[in-house]
Amino acid sequence: MILKKAWIHVLAVSMAVGGFAQSEMHKFSLPDGRSIEAEIIGYNARLKQVELRLANESRKKVNPKIFVEKDQAYIKEWASLDGFRNPSQFKVSCKKDLVEKWKKEDTRDI
């Protein structure tokens, strides 16, 4: 039963990470009321720049401070989860024989 709970937890985390890993369009607002529709494709903390892909597929690097506070928080959250999106920094693995054992245990109840 403990193994089942551990497996469910691993799956839940993987699905959550998968959701964050996918890019999505976001409406970024400027303090003067204008807005742009774009998706974040990168953040460089050293340069303090976020790289955006606009709806027309062009890319722009800007300082997040040009946006309203709500969008700055969105960028900060995106950047904090960047390690989950990068497969070289985040990897979930499990021994194959353990997975097979879990599969056998889970199908016993069916």
PDB file of N, CA and C in Angstrom:
ATOM      1  N   MET A   1       0.824  -1.199   0.000  1.00  0.00           N
ATOM      2  CA  MET A   1       0.000   0.000   0.000  1.00  0.00           C
ATOM      3  C   MET A   1       0.866   1.260   0.000  1.00  0.00           C
ATOM      4  N   ILE A   2       1.980   1.223   0.735  1.00  0.00           N
ATOM      5  CA  ILE A   2       2.879   2.375   0.769  1.00  0.00           C
ATOM      6  C   ILE A   2       3.460   2.621  -0.618  1.00  0.00           C
ATOM      7  N   LEU A   3       3.816   1.543  -1.323  1.00  0.00           N
ATOM      8  CA  LEU A   3       4.359   1.685  -2.665  1.00  0.00           C
ATOM      9  C   LEU A   3       3.336   2.301  -3.607  1.00  0.00           C
ATOM     10  N   LYS A   4       2.071   1.909  -3.459  1.00  0.00           N
ATOM     11  CA  LYS A   4       1.020   2.481  -4.305  1.00  0.00           C
ATOM     12  C   LYS A   4       0.924   3.987  -4.080  1.00  0.00           C
ATOM     13  N   LYS A   5       0.957   4.403  -2.820  1.00  0.00           N
ATOM     14  CA  LYS A   5       0.871   5.830  -2.512  1.00  0.00           C
ATOM     15  C   LYS A   5       2.071   6.571  -3.072  1.00  0.00           C
ATOM     16  N   ALA A   6       3.256   5.965  -2.960  1.00  0.00           N
ATOM     17  CA  ALA A   6       4.459   6.598  -3.511  1.00  0.00           C
ATOM     18  C   ALA A   6       4.340   6.734  -5.020  1.00  0.00           C
ATOM     19  N   TRP A   7       3.853   5.708  -5.675  1.00  0.00           N
ATOM     20  CA  TRP A   7       3.699   5.725  -7.129  1.00  0.00           C
ATOM     21  C   TRP A   7       2.693   6.798  -7.551  1.00  0.00           C
ATOM     22  N   ILE A   8       1.588   6.896  -6.824  1.00  0.00           N
ATOM     23  CA  ILE A   8       0.571   7.906  -7.121  1.00  0.00           C
ATOM     24  C   ILE A   8       1.168   9.300  -6.949  1.00  0.00           C
ATOM     25  N   HIS A   9       1.970   9.481  -5.906  1.00  0.00           N
ATOM     26  CA  HIS A   9       2.607  10.778  -5.663  1.00  0.00           C
ATOM     27  C   HIS A   9       3.554  11.136  -6.815  1.00  0.00           C
ATOM     28  N   VAL A  10       4.351  10.174  -7.259  1.00  0.00           N
ATOM     29  CA  VAL A  10       5.269  10.409  -8.379  1.00  0.00           C
ATOM     30  C   VAL A  10       4.484  10.788  -9.623  1.00  0.00           C
ATOM     31  N   LEU A  11       3.398  10.101  -9.901  1.00  0.00           N
ATOM     32  CA  LEU A  11       2.575  10.420 -11.070  1.00  0.00           C
ATOM     33  C   LEU A  11       1.967  11.814 -10.957  1.00  0.00           C
ATOM     34  N   ALA A  12       1.487  12.165  -9.770  1.00  0.00           N
ATOM     35  CA  ALA A  12       0.875  13.475  -9.574  1.00  0.00           C
ATOM     36  C   ALA A  12       1.893  14.588  -9.797  1.00  0.00           C
ATOM     37  N   VAL A  13       3.085  14.413  -9.260  1.00  0.00           N
ATOM     38  CA  VAL A  13       4.131  15.413  -9.454  1.00  0.00           C
ATOM     39  C   VAL A  13       4.505  15.504 -10.924  1.00  0.00           C
ATOM     40  N   SER A  14       4.626  14.365 -11.588  1.00  0.00           N
ATOM     41  CA  SER A  14       4.978  14.357 -13.012  1.00  0.00           C
ATOM     42  C   SER A  14       3.927  15.073 -13.848  1.00  0.00           C
ATOM     43  N   MET A  15       2.649  14.850 -13.537  1.00  0.00           N
ATOM     44  CA  MET A  15       1.587  15.510 -14.296  1.00  0.00           C
ATOM     45  C   MET A  15       1.594  17.008 -14.022  1.00  0.00           C
ATOM     46  N   ALA A  16       1.827  17.390 -12.769  1.00  0.00           N
ATOM     47  CA  ALA A  16       1.875  18.814 -12.444  1.00  0.00           C
ATOM     48  C   ALA A  16       3.026  19.483 -13.167  1.00  0.00           C
ATOM     49  N   VAL A  17       4.172  18.842 -13.147  1.00  0.00           N
ATOM     50  CA  VAL A  17       5.337  19.381 -13.834  1.00  0.00           C
ATOM     51  C   VAL A  17       5.068  19.458 -15.330  1.00  0.00           C
ATOM     52  N   GLY A  18       4.439  18.446 -15.873  1.00  0.00           N
ATOM     53  CA  GLY A  18       4.097  18.463 -17.288  1.00  0.00           C
ATOM     54  C   GLY A  18       3.218  19.636 -17.633  1.00  0.00           C
ATOM     55  N   GLY A  19       2.295  19.969 -16.755  1.00  0.00           N
ATOM     56  CA  GLY A  19       1.432  21.121 -16.988  1.00  0.00           C
ATOM     57  C   GLY A  19       2.212  22.416 -17.009  1.00  0.00           C
ATOM     58  N   PHE A  20       3.187  22.544 -16.111  1.00  0.00           N
ATOM     59  CA  PHE A  20       3.998  23.740 -16.077  1.00  0.00           C
ATOM     60  C   PHE A  20       4.971  23.780 -17.241  1.00  0.00           C
ATOM     61  N   ALA A  21       5.338  22.617 -17.723  1.00  0.00           N
ATOM     62  CA  ALA A  21       6.343  22.570 -18.770  1.00  0.00           C
ATOM     63  C   ALA A  21       5.825  23.112 -20.081  1.00  0.00           C
ATOM     64  N   GLN A  22       4.535  23.043 -20.288  1.00  0.00           N
ATOM     65  CA  GLN A  22       3.991  23.508 -21.546  1.00  0.00           C
ATOM     66  C   GLN A  22       3.852  25.027 -21.514  1.00  0.00           C
ATOM     67  N   SER A  23       4.289  25.654 -22.588  1.00  0.00           N
ATOM     68  CA  SER A  23       4.178  27.099 -22.688  1.00  0.00           C
ATOM     69  C   SER A  23       2.748  27.466 -23.028  1.00  0.00           C
ATOM     70  N   GLU A  24       2.395  28.668 -22.657  1.00  0.00           N
ATOM     71  CA  GLU A  24       1.063  29.142 -23.001  1.00  0.00           C
ATOM     72  C   GLU A  24       1.099  30.643 -23.215  1.00  0.00           C
ATOM     73  N   MET A  25       0.198  31.092 -24.021  1.00  0.00           N
ATOM     74  CA  MET A  25       0.087  32.523 -24.283  1.00  0.00           C
ATOM     75  C   MET A  25      -0.460  33.203 -23.033  1.00  0.00           C
ATOM     76  N   HIS A  26       0.023  34.395 -22.791  1.00  0.00           N
ATOM     77  CA  HIS A  26      -0.390  35.168 -21.618  1.00  0.00           C
ATOM     78  C   HIS A  26      -0.559  36.617 -22.059  1.00  0.00           C
ATOM     79  N   LYS A  27      -1.521  37.287 -21.501  1.00  0.00           N
ATOM     80  CA  LYS A  27      -1.733  38.700 -21.806  1.00  0.00           C
ATOM     81  C   LYS A  27      -0.950  39.524 -20.789  1.00  0.00           C
ATOM     82  N   PHE A  28       0.129  40.159 -21.249  1.00  0.00           N
ATOM     83  CA  PHE A  28       0.961  41.001 -20.403  1.00  0.00           C
ATOM     84  C   PHE A  28       0.493  42.443 -20.534  1.00  0.00           C
ATOM     85  N   SER A  29       0.341  43.104 -19.389  1.00  0.00           N
ATOM     86  CA  SER A  29      -0.150  44.482 -19.396  1.00  0.00           C
ATOM     87  C   SER A  29       0.956  45.456 -19.016  1.00  0.00           C
ATOM     88  N   LEU A  30       0.946  46.592 -19.699  1.00  0.00           N
ATOM     89  CA  LEU A  30       1.869  47.685 -19.398  1.00  0.00           C
ATOM     90  C   LEU A  30       1.145  48.686 -18.498  1.00  0.00           C
ATOM     91  N   PRO A  31       1.878  49.443 -17.689  1.00  0.00           N
ATOM     92  CA  PRO A  31       1.231  50.406 -16.789  1.00  0.00           C
ATOM     93  C   PRO A  31       0.351  51.443 -17.504  1.00  0.00           C
ATOM     94  N   ASP A  32       0.625  51.739 -18.774  1.00  0.00           N
ATOM     95  CA  ASP A  32      -0.174  52.742 -19.490  1.00  0.00           C
ATOM     96  C   ASP A  32      -1.471  52.170 -20.068  1.00  0.00           C
ATOM     97  N   GLY A  33      -1.753  50.871 -19.797  1.00  0.00           N
ATOM     98  CA  GLY A  33      -2.995  50.266 -20.250  1.00  0.00           C
ATOM     99  C   GLY A  33      -2.858  49.402 -21.494  1.00  0.00           C
ATOM    100  N   ARG A  34      -1.761  49.551 -22.221  1.00  0.00           N
ATOM    101  CA  ARG A  34      -1.557  48.702 -23.395  1.00  0.00           C
ATOM    102  C   ARG A  34      -1.243  47.281 -22.932  1.00  0.00           C
ATOM    103  N   SER A  35      -1.424  46.314 -23.835  1.00  0.00           N
ATOM    104  CA  SER A  35      -1.118  44.929 -23.502  1.00  0.00           C
ATOM    105  C   SER A  35      -0.603  44.199 -24.734  1.00  0.00           C
ATOM    106  N   ILE A  36       0.103  43.107 -24.471  1.00  0.00           N
ATOM    107  CA  ILE A  36       0.567  42.247 -25.557  1.00  0.00           C
ATOM    108  C   ILE A  36       0.292  40.805 -25.170  1.00  0.00           C
ATOM    109  N   GLU A  37       0.058  40.011 -26.175  1.00  0.00           N
ATOM    110  CA  GLU A  37      -0.180  38.580 -26.000  1.00  0.00           C
ATOM    111  C   GLU A  37       1.121  37.876 -26.377  1.00  0.00           C
ATOM    112  N   ALA A  38       1.682  37.101 -25.428  1.00  0.00           N
ATOM    113  CA  ALA A  38       2.964  36.432 -25.683  1.00  0.00           C
ATOM    114  C   ALA A  38       3.125  35.239 -24.763  1.00  0.00           C
ATOM    115  N   GLU A  39       4.107  34.406 -25.095  1.00  0.00           N
ATOM    116  CA  GLU A  39       4.458  33.307 -24.199  1.00  0.00           C
ATOM    117  C   GLU A  39       5.906  33.474 -23.780  1.00  0.00           C
ATOM    118  N   ILE A  40       6.187  33.114 -22.543  1.00  0.00           N
ATOM    119  CA  ILE A  40       7.558  33.184 -22.053  1.00  0.00           C
ATOM    120  C   ILE A  40       8.315  31.977 -22.596  1.00  0.00           C
ATOM    121  N   ILE A  41       9.485  32.245 -23.149  1.00  0.00           N
ATOM    122  CA  ILE A  41      10.303  31.124 -23.618  1.00  0.00           C
ATOM    123  C   ILE A  41      11.652  31.080 -22.903  1.00  0.00           C
ATOM    124  N   GLY A  42      11.939  32.076 -22.088  1.00  0.00           N
ATOM    125  CA  GLY A  42      13.180  32.043 -21.329  1.00  0.00           C
ATOM    126  C   GLY A  42      13.289  33.215 -20.378  1.00  0.00           C
ATOM    127  N   TYR A  43      14.128  33.036 -19.371  1.00  0.00           N
ATOM    128  CA  TYR A  43      14.407  34.116 -18.419  1.00  0.00           C
ATOM    129  C   TYR A  43      15.881  34.069 -18.067  1.00  0.00           C
ATOM    130  N   ASN A  44      16.545  35.198 -18.163  1.00  0.00           N
ATOM    131  CA  ASN A  44      17.950  35.307 -17.819  1.00  0.00           C
ATOM    132  C   ASN A  44      18.045  36.176 -16.568  1.00  0.00           C
ATOM    133  N   ALA A  45      18.278  35.531 -15.417  1.00  0.00           N
ATOM    134  CA  ALA A  45      18.317  36.252 -14.143  1.00  0.00           C
ATOM    135  C   ALA A  45      19.506  37.213 -14.086  1.00  0.00           C
ATOM    136  N   ARG A  46      20.615  36.819 -14.693  1.00  0.00           N
ATOM    137  CA  ARG A  46      21.814  37.664 -14.663  1.00  0.00           C
ATOM    138  C   ARG A  46      21.563  38.977 -15.393  1.00  0.00           C
ATOM    139  N   LEU A  47      20.935  38.902 -16.551  1.00  0.00           N
ATOM    140  CA  LEU A  47      20.639  40.104 -17.336  1.00  0.00           C
ATOM    141  C   LEU A  47      19.306  40.741 -16.962  1.00  0.00           C
ATOM    142  N   LYS A  48      18.532  40.033 -16.134  1.00  0.00           N
ATOM    143  CA  LYS A  48      17.190  40.481 -15.744  1.00  0.00           C
ATOM    144  C   LYS A  48      16.334  40.745 -16.971  1.00  0.00           C
ATOM    145  N   GLN A  49      16.278  39.713 -17.844  1.00  0.00           N
ATOM    146  CA  GLN A  49      15.473  39.815 -19.057  1.00  0.00           C
ATOM    147  C   GLN A  49      14.635  38.560 -19.227  1.00  0.00           C
ATOM    148  N   VAL A  50      13.405  38.794 -19.654  1.00  0.00           N
ATOM    149  CA  VAL A  50      12.524  37.694 -20.005  1.00  0.00           C
ATOM    150  C   VAL A  50      12.433  37.678 -21.533  1.00  0.00           C
ATOM    151  N   GLU A  51      12.495  36.479 -22.113  1.00  0.00           N
ATOM    152  CA  GLU A  51      12.361  36.364 -23.554  1.00  0.00           C
ATOM    153  C   GLU A  51      10.938  35.914 -23.867  1.00  0.00           C
ATOM    154  N   LEU A  52      10.279  36.676 -24.707  1.00  0.00           N
ATOM    155  CA  LEU A  52       8.888  36.409 -25.060  1.00  0.00           C
ATOM    156  C   LEU A  52       8.779  36.072 -26.541  1.00  0.00           C
ATOM    157  N   ARG A  53       7.843  35.173 -26.859  1.00  0.00           N
ATOM    158  CA  ARG A  53       7.473  34.914 -28.254  1.00  0.00           C
ATOM    159  C   ARG A  53       6.084  35.527 -28.435  1.00  0.00           C
ATOM    160  N   LEU A  54       6.015  36.493 -29.307  1.00  0.00           N
ATOM    161  CA  LEU A  54       4.751  37.188 -29.549  1.00  0.00           C
ATOM    162  C   LEU A  54       3.854  36.358 -30.452  1.00  0.00           C
ATOM    163  N   ALA A  55       2.612  36.768 -30.573  1.00  0.00           N
ATOM    164  CA  ALA A  55       1.639  36.045 -31.390  1.00  0.00           C
ATOM    165  C   ALA A  55       2.083  35.952 -32.849  1.00  0.00           C
ATOM    166  N   ASN A  56       2.845  36.947 -33.328  1.00  0.00           N
ATOM    167  CA  ASN A  56       3.323  36.932 -34.713  1.00  0.00           C
ATOM    168  C   ASN A  56       4.623  36.132 -34.867  1.00  0.00           C
ATOM    169  N   GLU A  57       5.002  35.382 -33.822  1.00  0.00           N
ATOM    170  CA  GLU A  57       6.188  34.519 -33.795  1.00  0.00           C
ATOM    171  C   GLU A  57       7.508  35.261 -33.619  1.00  0.00           C
ATOM    172  N   SER A  58       7.487  36.590 -33.524  1.00  0.00           N
ATOM    173  CA  SER A  58       8.731  37.314 -33.267  1.00  0.00           C
ATOM    174  C   SER A  58       9.099  37.151 -31.794  1.00  0.00           C
ATOM    175  N   ARG A  59      10.377  37.337 -31.518  1.00  0.00           N
ATOM    176  CA  ARG A  59      10.868  37.190 -30.144  1.00  0.00           C
ATOM    177  C   ARG A  59      11.407  38.531 -29.658  1.00  0.00           C
ATOM    178  N   LYS A  60      11.153  38.799 -28.377  1.00  0.00           N
ATOM    179  CA  LYS A  60      11.627  40.040 -27.758  1.00  0.00           C
ATOM    180  C   LYS A  60      12.174  39.718 -26.375  1.00  0.00           C
ATOM    181  N   LYS A  61      13.281  40.379 -26.033  1.00  0.00           N
ATOM    182  CA  LYS A  61      13.837  40.280 -24.687  1.00  0.00           C
ATOM    183  C   LYS A  61      13.615  41.618 -24.006  1.00  0.00           C
ATOM    184  N   VAL A  62      12.961  41.563 -22.842  1.00  0.00           N
ATOM    185  CA  VAL A  62      12.641  42.798 -22.127  1.00  0.00           C
ATOM    186  C   VAL A  62      12.860  42.598 -20.635  1.00  0.00           C
ATOM    187  N   ASN A  63      12.995  43.710 -19.938  1.00  0.00           N
ATOM    188  CA  ASN A  63      13.054  43.676 -18.481  1.00  0.00           C
ATOM    189  C   ASN A  63      11.629  43.507 -17.963  1.00  0.00           C
ATOM    190  N   PRO A  64      11.391  42.539 -17.077  1.00  0.00           N
ATOM    191  CA  PRO A  64      10.024  42.313 -16.576  1.00  0.00           C
ATOM    192  C   PRO A  64       9.394  43.530 -15.904  1.00  0.00           C
ATOM    193  N   LYS A  65      10.220  44.471 -15.463  1.00  0.00           N
ATOM    194  CA  LYS A  65       9.691  45.649 -14.762  1.00  0.00           C
ATOM    195  C   LYS A  65       8.876  46.565 -15.663  1.00  0.00           C
ATOM    196  N   ILE A  66       8.873  46.315 -16.982  1.00  0.00           N
ATOM    197  CA  ILE A  66       8.039  47.149 -17.856  1.00  0.00           C
ATOM    198  C   ILE A  66       6.563  46.784 -17.724  1.00  0.00           C
ATOM    199  N   PHE A  67       6.283  45.619 -17.128  1.00  0.00           N
ATOM    200  CA  PHE A  67       4.911  45.148 -16.982  1.00  0.00           C
ATOM    201  C   PHE A  67       4.338  45.500 -15.618  1.00  0.00           C
ATOM    202  N   VAL A  68       3.029  45.387 -15.491  1.00  0.00           N
ATOM    203  CA  VAL A  68       2.371  45.629 -14.203  1.00  0.00           C
ATOM    204  C   VAL A  68       2.820  44.548 -13.205  1.00  0.00           C
ATOM    205  N   GLU A  69       2.647  44.817 -11.923  1.00  0.00           N
ATOM    206  CA  GLU A  69       3.132  43.925 -10.860  1.00  0.00           C
ATOM    207  C   GLU A  69       2.596  42.500 -10.991  1.00  0.00           C
ATOM    208  N   LYS A  70       1.340  42.357 -11.374  1.00  0.00           N
ATOM    209  CA  LYS A  70       0.747  41.027 -11.520  1.00  0.00           C
ATOM    210  C   LYS A  70       1.516  40.204 -12.555  1.00  0.00           C
ATOM    211  N   ASP A  71       1.888  40.833 -13.653  1.00  0.00           N
ATOM    212  CA  ASP A  71       2.637  40.121 -14.682  1.00  0.00           C
ATOM    213  C   ASP A  71       4.089  39.888 -14.279  1.00  0.00           C
ATOM    214  N   GLN A  72       4.649  40.780 -13.496  1.00  0.00           N
ATOM    215  CA  GLN A  72       5.991  40.551 -12.965  1.00  0.00           C
ATOM    216  C   GLN A  72       5.991  39.315 -12.062  1.00  0.00           C
ATOM    217  N   ALA A  73       4.930  39.158 -11.273  1.00  0.00           N
ATOM    218  CA  ALA A  73       4.804  37.974 -10.405  1.00  0.00           C
ATOM    219  C   ALA A  73       4.646  36.712 -11.250  1.00  0.00           C
ATOM    220  N   TYR A  74       3.901  36.809 -12.348  1.00  0.00           N
ATOM    221  CA  TYR A  74       3.727  35.673 -13.261  1.00  0.00           C
ATOM    222  C   TYR A  74       5.085  35.247 -13.829  1.00  0.00           C
ATOM    223  N   ILE A  75       5.881  36.212 -14.246  1.00  0.00           N
ATOM    224  CA  ILE A  75       7.211  35.921 -14.791  1.00  0.00           C
ATOM    225  C   ILE A  75       8.102  35.307 -13.724  1.00  0.00           C
ATOM    226  N   LYS A  76       8.033  35.838 -12.522  1.00  0.00           N
ATOM    227  CA  LYS A  76       8.842  35.307 -11.413  1.00  0.00           C
ATOM    228  C   LYS A  76       8.467  33.857 -11.122  1.00  0.00           C
ATOM    229  N   GLU A  77       7.177  33.548 -11.119  1.00  0.00           N
ATOM    230  CA  GLU A  77       6.721  32.173 -10.883  1.00  0.00           C
ATOM    231  C   GLU A  77       7.197  31.264 -12.017  1.00  0.00           C
ATOM    232  N   TRP A  78       7.077  31.743 -13.262  1.00  0.00           N
ATOM    233  CA  TRP A  78       7.536  30.957 -14.406  1.00  0.00           C
ATOM    234  C   TRP A  78       9.025  30.648 -14.265  1.00  0.00           C
ATOM    235  N   ALA A  79       9.809  31.653 -13.911  1.00  0.00           N
ATOM    236  CA  ALA A  79      11.258  31.470 -13.778  1.00  0.00           C
ATOM    237  C   ALA A  79      11.592  30.505 -12.647  1.00  0.00           C
ATOM    238  N   SER A  80      10.817  30.542 -11.561  1.00  0.00           N
ATOM    239  CA  SER A  80      11.093  29.643 -10.435  1.00  0.00           C
ATOM    240  C   SER A  80      10.830  28.183 -10.791  1.00  0.00           C
ATOM    241  N   LEU A  81       9.982  27.940 -11.770  1.00  0.00           N
ATOM    242  CA  LEU A  81       9.664  26.573 -12.195  1.00  0.00           C
ATOM    243  C   LEU A  81      10.477  26.128 -13.399  1.00  0.00           C
ATOM    244  N   ASP A  82      11.391  26.970 -13.853  1.00  0.00           N
ATOM    245  CA  ASP A  82      12.155  26.665 -15.057  1.00  0.00           C
ATOM    246  C   ASP A  82      12.950  25.369 -14.932  1.00  0.00           C
ATOM    247  N   GLY A  83      13.428  25.043 -13.747  1.00  0.00           N
ATOM    248  CA  GLY A  83      14.162  23.797 -13.548  1.00  0.00           C
ATOM    249  C   GLY A  83      13.327  22.570 -13.853  1.00  0.00           C
ATOM    250  N   PHE A  84      12.027  22.661 -13.631  1.00  0.00           N
ATOM    251  CA  PHE A  84      11.138  21.547 -13.936  1.00  0.00           C
ATOM    252  C   PHE A  84      10.952  21.371 -15.440  1.00  0.00           C
ATOM    253  N   ARG A  85      11.057  22.468 -16.178  1.00  0.00           N
ATOM    254  CA  ARG A  85      10.889  22.401 -17.629  1.00  0.00           C
ATOM    255  C   ARG A  85      12.145  21.899 -18.325  1.00  0.00           C
ATOM    256  N   ASN A  86      13.283  22.042 -17.674  1.00  0.00           N
ATOM    257  CA  ASN A  86      14.552  21.681 -18.291  1.00  0.00           C
ATOM    258  C   ASN A  86      14.910  20.245 -17.928  1.00  0.00           C
ATOM    259  N   PRO A  87      14.848  19.313 -18.869  1.00  0.00           N
ATOM    260  CA  PRO A  87      15.105  17.911 -18.551  1.00  0.00           C
ATOM    261  C   PRO A  87      16.507  17.643 -18.027  1.00  0.00           C
ATOM    262  N   SER A  88      17.455  18.518 -18.309  1.00  0.00           N
ATOM    263  CA  SER A  88      18.803  18.295 -17.787  1.00  0.00           C
ATOM    264  C   SER A  88      18.884  18.657 -16.304  1.00  0.00           C
ATOM    265  N   GLN A  89      17.910  19.418 -15.802  1.00  0.00           N
ATOM    266  CA  GLN A  89      17.916  19.808 -14.399  1.00  0.00           C
ATOM    267  C   GLN A  89      16.918  19.009 -13.562  1.00  0.00           C
ATOM    268  N   PHE A  90      15.924  18.428 -14.198  1.00  0.00           N
ATOM    269  CA  PHE A  90      14.887  17.703 -13.462  1.00  0.00           C
ATOM    270  C   PHE A  90      14.635  16.369 -14.141  1.00  0.00           C
ATOM    271  N   LYS A  91      14.763  15.325 -13.374  1.00  0.00           N
ATOM    272  CA  LYS A  91      14.556  14.008 -13.947  1.00  0.00           C
ATOM    273  C   LYS A  91      13.945  13.103 -12.886  1.00  0.00           C
ATOM    274  N   VAL A  92      12.882  12.446 -13.247  1.00  0.00           N
ATOM    275  CA  VAL A  92      12.265  11.449 -12.380  1.00  0.00           C
ATOM    276  C   VAL A  92      12.631  10.096 -12.954  1.00  0.00           C
ATOM    277  N   SER A  93      13.217   9.266 -12.119  1.00  0.00           N
ATOM    278  CA  SER A  93      13.570   7.939 -12.603  1.00  0.00           C
ATOM    279  C   SER A  93      13.224   6.900 -11.548  1.00  0.00           C
ATOM    280  N   CYS A  94      13.105   5.703 -12.000  1.00  0.00           N
ATOM    281  CA  CYS A  94      12.763   4.595 -11.112  1.00  0.00           C
ATOM    282  C   CYS A  94      13.329   3.325 -11.734  1.00  0.00           C
ATOM    283  N   LYS A  95      13.732   2.419 -10.898  1.00  0.00           N
ATOM    284  CA  LYS A  95      14.251   1.155 -11.404  1.00  0.00           C
ATOM    285  C   LYS A  95      13.132   0.405 -12.133  1.00  0.00           C
ATOM    286  N   LYS A  96      13.475  -0.132 -13.294  1.00  0.00           N
ATOM    287  CA  LYS A  96      12.490  -0.800 -14.136  1.00  0.00           C
ATOM    288  C   LYS A  96      11.830  -1.975 -13.415  1.00  0.00           C
ATOM    289  N   ASP A  97      12.624  -2.759 -12.650  1.00  0.00           N
ATOM    290  CA  ASP A  97      12.045  -3.908 -11.958  1.00  0.00           C
ATOM    291  C   ASP A  97      11.047  -3.467 -10.887  1.00  0.00           C
ATOM    292  N   LEU A  98      11.283  -2.307 -10.281  1.00  0.00           N
ATOM    293  CA  LEU A  98      10.351  -1.785  -9.287  1.00  0.00           C
ATOM    294  C   LEU A  98       9.044  -1.355  -9.950  1.00  0.00           C
ATOM    295  N   VAL A  99       9.135  -0.733 -11.111  1.00  0.00           N
ATOM    296  CA  VAL A  99       7.936  -0.335 -11.850  1.00  0.00           C
ATOM    297  C   VAL A  99       7.122  -1.565 -12.227  1.00  0.00           C
ATOM    298  N   GLU A 100       7.810  -2.611 -12.705  1.00  0.00           N
ATOM    299  CA  GLU A 100       7.112  -3.845 -13.074  1.00  0.00           C
ATOM    300  C   GLU A 100       6.420  -4.459 -11.857  1.00  0.00           C
ATOM    301  N   LYS A 101       7.076  -4.411 -10.720  1.00  0.00           N
ATOM    302  CA  LYS A 101       6.484  -4.933  -9.485  1.00  0.00           C
ATOM    303  C   LYS A 101       5.223  -4.141  -9.131  1.00  0.00           C
ATOM    304  N   TRP A 102       5.299  -2.814  -9.255  1.00  0.00           N
ATOM    305  CA  TRP A 102       4.136  -1.976  -8.967  1.00  0.00           C
ATOM    306  C   TRP A 102       3.000  -2.279  -9.925  1.00  0.00           C
ATOM    307  N   LYS A 103       3.325  -2.481 -11.190  1.00  0.00           N
ATOM    308  CA  LYS A 103       2.286  -2.814 -12.174  1.00  0.00           C
ATOM    309  C   LYS A 103       1.574  -4.103 -11.789  1.00  0.00           C
ATOM    310  N   LYS A 104       2.344  -5.106 -11.397  1.00  0.00           N
ATOM    311  CA  LYS A 104       1.756  -6.390 -11.020  1.00  0.00           C
ATOM    312  C   LYS A 104       0.859  -6.236  -9.781  1.00  0.00           C
ATOM    313  N   GLU A 105       1.338  -5.469  -8.798  1.00  0.00           N
ATOM    314  CA  GLU A 105       0.554  -5.259  -7.589  1.00  0.00           C
ATOM    315  C   GLU A 105      -0.722  -4.506  -7.881  1.00  0.00           C
ATOM    316  N   ASP A 106      -0.647  -3.495  -8.740  1.00  0.00           N
ATOM    317  CA  ASP A 106      -1.825  -2.670  -9.059  1.00  0.00           C
ATOM    318  C   ASP A 106      -2.867  -3.470  -9.828  1.00  0.00           C
ATOM    319  N   THR A 107      -2.452  -4.377 -10.697  1.00  0.00           N
ATOM    320  CA  THR A 107      -3.413  -5.135 -11.496  1.00  0.00           C
ATOM    321  C   THR A 107      -4.026  -6.287 -10.733  1.00  0.00           C
ATOM    322  N   ARG A 108      -3.458  -6.652  -9.598  1.00  0.00           N
ATOM    323  CA  ARG A 108      -4.056  -7.706  -8.790  1.00  0.00           C
ATOM    324  C   ARG A 108      -5.448  -7.334  -8.307  1.00  0.00           C
ATOM    325  N   ASP A 109      -5.652  -6.042  -8.051  1.00  0.00           N
ATOM    326  CA  ASP A 109      -6.928  -5.581  -7.517  1.00  0.00           C
ATOM    327  C   ASP A 109      -8.013  -5.474  -8.580  1.00  0.00           C
ATOM    328  N   ILE A 110      -7.650  -5.598  -9.841  1.00  0.00           N
ATOM    329  CA  ILE A 110      -8.632  -5.400 -10.926  1.00  0.00           C
ATOM    330  C   ILE A 110      -9.394  -6.664 -11.195  1.00  0.00           C
TER     331      ILE A 110
END
